[in-house]
């Protein structure tokens, strides 16, 4: 059975990878990238919250009286 000659593989793979790298670099060189997007002014929206007119109070642990 004949053996597979793999001696020429590095000579074929190396130029192929080099060509692939160069083609990728050329494609990236021709593409236009925006430098920075301009920031849009943020508009604050006021939502109607049903709990706003009602009393709401969150007690922290430090404000509670000590329990013995």
Protein backbone atom coordinates (compact mmCIF):
# COMPACT_ATOMS: atom_id res chain seq x y z
CA UNK A 1 0.00 0.00 0.00
CA UNK A 2 1.50 3.38 -0.91
CA UNK A 3 2.41 5.84 1.83
CA UNK A 4 0.98 9.34 1.94
CA UNK A 5 3.70 11.87 1.19
CA UNK A 6 3.35 14.61 3.81
CA UNK A 7 6.73 16.23 3.16
CA UNK A 8 5.23 18.95 0.94
CA UNK A 9 2.43 19.88 3.32
CA UNK A 10 4.36 22.59 5.20
CA UNK A 11 5.37 24.15 1.88
CA UNK A 12 1.72 24.34 0.85
CA UNK A 13 0.20 25.32 4.20
CA UNK A 14 2.62 28.19 4.96
CA UNK A 15 1.93 30.23 1.77
CA UNK A 16 -1.77 29.51 2.14
CA UNK A 17 -1.82 30.95 5.66
CA UNK A 18 0.25 33.93 4.55
CA UNK A 19 -2.15 34.60 1.67
CA UNK A 20 -5.15 34.27 3.95
CA UNK A 21 -3.60 36.75 6.40
CA UNK A 22 -2.82 39.25 3.63
CA UNK A 23 -6.28 39.02 2.09
CA UNK A 24 -7.85 39.56 5.51
CA UNK A 25 -5.64 42.58 6.14
CA UNK A 26 -6.52 44.08 2.76
CA UNK A 27 -10.23 43.59 3.37
CA UNK A 28 -9.96 45.26 6.76
CA UNK A 29 -7.94 48.11 5.26
CA UNK A 30 -10.68 48.87 2.73
CA UNK A 31 -13.53 48.85 5.21
CA UNK A 32 -14.71 52.08 6.81
CA UNK A 33 -15.00 52.12 10.57
CA UNK A 34 -16.59 54.94 12.48
CA UNK A 35 -14.20 56.52 14.90
CA UNK A 36 -16.60 57.21 17.74
CA UNK A 37 -20.35 57.40 17.84
CA UNK A 38 -21.73 60.74 18.88
CA UNK A 39 -23.58 60.53 22.20
CA UNK A 40 -27.29 61.17 22.11
CA UNK A 41 -28.82 63.30 24.82
CA UNK A 42 -30.74 61.20 27.26
CA UNK A 43 -34.30 62.20 28.01
CA UNK A 44 -35.48 61.42 31.48
CA UNK A 45 -38.93 59.88 31.45
CA UNK A 46 -41.21 60.28 34.41
CA UNK A 47 -43.36 57.26 34.91
CA UNK A 48 -46.46 57.23 37.03
CA UNK A 49 -45.76 54.98 39.95
CA UNK A 50 -48.75 53.84 41.96
CA UNK A 51 -46.75 53.75 45.20
CA UNK A 52 -45.55 57.35 45.01
CA UNK A 53 -48.54 59.07 46.68
CA UNK A 54 -48.76 56.34 49.31
CA UNK A 55 -46.43 56.07 52.23
CA UNK A 56 -43.38 54.02 51.65
CA UNK A 57 -40.57 53.76 54.10
CA UNK A 58 -37.80 51.27 54.24
CA UNK A 59 -36.43 50.69 57.69
CA UNK A 60 -32.80 49.84 57.92
CA UNK A 61 -31.64 47.53 60.68
CA UNK A 62 -29.81 50.36 62.46
CA UNK A 63 -32.95 52.45 62.83
CA UNK A 64 -34.99 49.71 64.50
CA UNK A 65 -35.08 49.67 68.31
CA UNK A 66 -32.99 47.09 70.06
CA UNK A 67 -34.83 43.95 71.08
CA UNK A 68 -33.84 42.24 74.29
